[in-house]
Protein backbone atom coordinates (compact mmCIF):
# COMPACT_ATOMS: atom_id res chain seq x y z
CA MET A 1 16.84 17.88 -15.71
CA PRO A 2 13.49 16.96 -14.55
CA ASN A 3 13.12 13.82 -12.53
CA ASP A 4 9.94 12.72 -14.23
CA CYS A 5 8.94 11.85 -17.96
CA THR A 6 5.78 11.58 -19.42
CA ASP A 7 4.43 8.23 -21.28
CA GLY A 8 1.30 8.94 -23.10
CA GLY A 9 0.21 11.47 -20.21
CA ILE A 10 1.27 9.57 -17.28
CA GLU A 11 4.04 10.77 -15.27
CA VAL A 12 6.91 8.08 -14.65
CA ASP A 13 9.34 8.97 -12.15
CA GLU A 14 12.91 7.73 -12.68
CA ALA A 15 13.65 7.45 -8.98
CA VAL A 16 10.30 5.10 -8.70
CA LEU A 17 11.73 3.09 -11.45
CA THR A 18 14.95 2.92 -10.03
CA GLU A 19 13.16 1.58 -6.65
CA LEU A 20 11.12 -1.02 -8.62
CA ARG A 21 14.22 -2.26 -10.57
CA GLU A 22 15.84 -3.07 -7.33
CA HIS A 23 13.05 -5.45 -6.33
CA GLU A 24 12.39 -6.92 -9.74
CA THR A 25 11.91 -10.35 -8.35
CA GLN A 26 8.62 -8.77 -6.51
CA HIS A 27 5.71 -8.12 -8.80
CA GLY A 28 2.23 -7.69 -8.71
CA PRO A 29 0.88 -6.28 -5.44
CA HIS A 30 4.55 -5.02 -4.26
CA MET A 31 4.59 -2.79 -7.37
CA ILE A 32 0.96 -1.56 -6.89
CA ARG A 33 2.00 -0.72 -3.58
CA VAL A 34 5.21 1.28 -4.70
CA LEU A 35 3.15 3.12 -7.18
CA GLU A 36 0.34 3.78 -4.51
CA ARG A 37 3.13 4.96 -2.21
CA HIS A 38 4.83 7.29 -4.57
CA HIS A 39 1.57 8.44 -6.65
CA PRO A 40 -0.81 9.81 -3.96
CA GLU A 41 -2.36 11.98 -6.46
CA TYR A 42 -4.45 9.30 -7.95
CA HIS A 43 -5.67 7.90 -4.53
CA PRO A 44 -7.45 5.89 -3.62
CA GLY A 45 -5.24 3.23 -5.68
CA ILE A 46 -3.93 3.87 -8.90
CA PRO A 47 -5.07 3.63 -12.68
CA LEU A 48 -4.13 0.82 -14.77
CA GLU A 49 -2.56 3.46 -17.24
CA LEU A 50 0.00 4.20 -14.48
CA LEU A 51 0.99 0.69 -13.83
CA ASN A 52 1.25 0.07 -17.50
CA ALA A 53 3.38 3.18 -18.24
CA TYR A 54 5.85 1.83 -15.56
CA ALA A 55 5.46 -1.82 -16.91
CA GLU A 56 6.37 -0.67 -20.06
CA ARG A 57 9.57 1.46 -18.84
CA LEU A 58 10.72 -2.02 -17.14
CA GLY A 59 10.29 -3.98 -20.28
CA TYR A 60 7.48 -6.25 -18.84
CA ASP A 61 4.92 -7.42 -21.34
CA VAL A 62 2.12 -5.14 -20.85
CA ALA A 63 -0.61 -7.28 -22.37
CA LEU A 64 0.17 -10.07 -20.26
CA SER A 65 0.36 -7.98 -16.93
CA ASP A 66 -3.03 -6.71 -17.92
CA ARG A 67 -4.21 -9.91 -18.00
CA ASP A 68 -3.06 -11.05 -14.95
CA ILE A 69 -4.10 -7.97 -13.18
CA GLU A 70 -7.71 -8.40 -14.44
CA ARG A 71 -7.57 -11.80 -13.61
CA LYS A 72 -6.79 -11.14 -10.02
CA THR A 73 -8.87 -7.95 -9.54
CA VAL A 74 -12.13 -8.38 -7.11
CA ASP A 75 -14.90 -6.18 -6.41
CA ASP A 76 -14.95 -6.85 -2.76
CA GLU A 77 -14.95 -4.06 -0.22
CA SER A 78 -13.18 -6.05 2.47
CA TRP A 79 -9.99 -8.15 2.77
CA ARG A 80 -9.75 -11.38 0.94
CA GLU A 81 -7.16 -14.12 1.30
CA GLY A 82 -4.83 -14.46 -1.42
CA ASP A 83 -3.00 -12.74 -4.16
CA VAL A 84 -5.55 -10.18 -5.23
CA TYR A 85 -6.01 -6.76 -6.31
CA TYR A 86 -8.98 -4.50 -5.46
CA ARG A 87 -11.11 -2.28 -7.65
CA ILE A 88 -11.73 1.01 -6.36
CA GLY A 89 -13.89 3.22 -8.70
CA GLY A 90 -11.75 3.01 -11.97
CA ASN A 91 -8.22 2.35 -9.90
CA VAL A 92 -6.70 -0.85 -8.69
CA SER A 93 -5.12 -1.03 -5.23
CA ALA A 94 -3.16 -3.76 -3.20
CA TYR A 95 -5.76 -3.00 -0.23
CA PRO A 96 -9.51 -3.03 0.11
CA PRO A 97 -11.72 -0.01 -0.06
CA THR A 98 -12.52 -0.46 3.44
CA TRP A 99 -8.91 -0.06 4.53
CA HIS A 100 -8.73 3.16 2.37
CA GLU A 101 -12.03 4.51 4.03
CA ARG A 102 -10.84 3.93 7.36
CA PHE A 103 -7.89 5.33 7.25
CA ASP A 104 -9.06 8.30 4.94
CA GLU A 105 -8.26 11.10 8.01
CA GLY A 106 -4.80 9.37 8.73
CA ASP A 107 -6.17 7.73 11.94
CA LEU A 108 -3.42 4.86 12.14
CA ARG A 109 -5.69 2.97 15.04
CA ALA A 110 -8.55 2.92 12.81
CA LEU A 111 -6.45 1.39 9.99
CA VAL A 112 -5.03 -1.38 12.67
CA GLU A 113 -8.58 -2.31 13.83
CA VAL A 114 -9.84 -2.80 10.28
CA MET A 115 -6.77 -4.82 9.43
CA LEU A 116 -7.06 -6.96 12.51
CA GLU A 117 -11.06 -7.52 11.97
CA GLU A 118 -10.75 -8.34 8.40
CA THR A 119 -7.62 -10.53 8.62
CA GLY A 120 -9.13 -12.35 11.78
CA ARG A 121 -5.99 -11.91 13.81
CA THR A 122 -5.08 -10.32 17.02
CA GLU A 123 -1.64 -8.77 16.25
CA LEU A 124 -0.01 -7.48 12.91
CA ARG A 125 3.67 -7.19 12.02
CA ARG A 126 5.01 -3.88 12.20
CA ASP A 127 6.16 -3.64 8.86
CA GLU A 128 2.82 -4.67 7.30
CA VAL A 129 1.17 -1.88 9.04
CA LEU A 130 3.64 0.62 8.13
CA LEU A 131 3.52 -0.52 4.33
CA ALA A 132 -0.41 -0.52 4.61
CA ALA A 133 -0.26 3.36 5.94
CA GLU A 134 2.45 4.52 3.29
CA SER A 135 0.65 2.62 0.43
CA ILE A 136 -2.97 4.04 1.28
CA ALA A 137 -1.78 7.39 2.48
CA GLY A 138 1.30 8.11 0.24
CA MET A 139 3.19 8.45 2.88
CA ASP A 140 7.31 8.10 3.13
CA ARG A 141 8.88 5.76 5.66
CA ARG A 142 9.90 8.11 8.22
CA SER A 143 6.51 9.65 8.27
CA SER A 144 4.32 6.31 8.88
CA GLU A 145 7.16 5.21 11.70
CA SER A 146 6.59 8.64 13.27
CA LEU A 147 2.94 8.22 13.34
CA LEU A 148 3.26 4.89 14.83
CA THR A 149 5.35 6.08 17.45
CA GLU A 150 3.02 8.80 18.13
CA TYR A 151 0.01 6.22 18.48
CA ARG A 152 2.32 3.99 20.65
CA GLU A 153 3.43 6.81 23.03
CA SER A 154 -0.14 7.90 23.38
CA GLY A 155 -1.19 4.58 24.26
CA ARG A 156 -3.79 4.34 21.10
CA LEU A 157 -1.68 1.19 19.93
CA GLU A 158 0.82 -1.43 21.30
CA VAL A 159 3.97 -1.89 19.70
CA GLU A 160 5.99 -4.92 21.35
CA PRO A 161 8.86 -5.32 21.41
CA TYR A 162 9.38 -1.72 20.38
CA GLN A 163 13.04 -1.14 19.48
CA ASN A 164 12.59 -4.48 17.05
CA PRO A 165 11.84 -4.15 13.39
CA GLU A 166 9.94 -7.37 13.73
CA ALA A 167 7.60 -5.94 16.41
CA LEU A 168 4.09 -6.47 16.67
CA VAL A 169 1.50 -4.16 16.71
CA TYR A 170 -1.91 -4.62 18.50
CA LEU A 171 -4.85 -2.70 20.11
CA PRO A 172 -4.19 -1.94 23.97
CA GLU A 173 -6.27 -3.84 26.26
CA PRO A 174 -9.40 -1.89 27.33
CA GLY A 175 -9.33 -0.30 30.94
């Protein structure tokens, strides 16, 4: 039996529905990140029709969800503080277009650079880097962790303390 079913031309994956149900207290950006990660065929971002198909299957009020998304969607190119979504063409994303553009070729250092630059920080939580890479590139956790390890081992990124899930990621000192 196939894992996917079609809702109005949009494929809804039962495994993704299960993952979303496990985290039902987290809506909005979390739901969009999950859908971005599991549906890279729509990148950058996801169409509202996909979000609505999942919202409907989860029993959410789709009209209320649409109004909330529209109210929080911005046309900004760069990171903005707060609970917002970014319009990228006809899609929406939990991440700004600049982050998608910088990670377009899978360069994790470029993604970290733009994240640091636009948030005004000097370090990022390991999990937020992995989550951004997974959502933007449609990667699974094992792939994003492997990529981070590769960048750490080659000296392109610093991760301290490395074995800790709460590690911080930052750019190495020049020199």
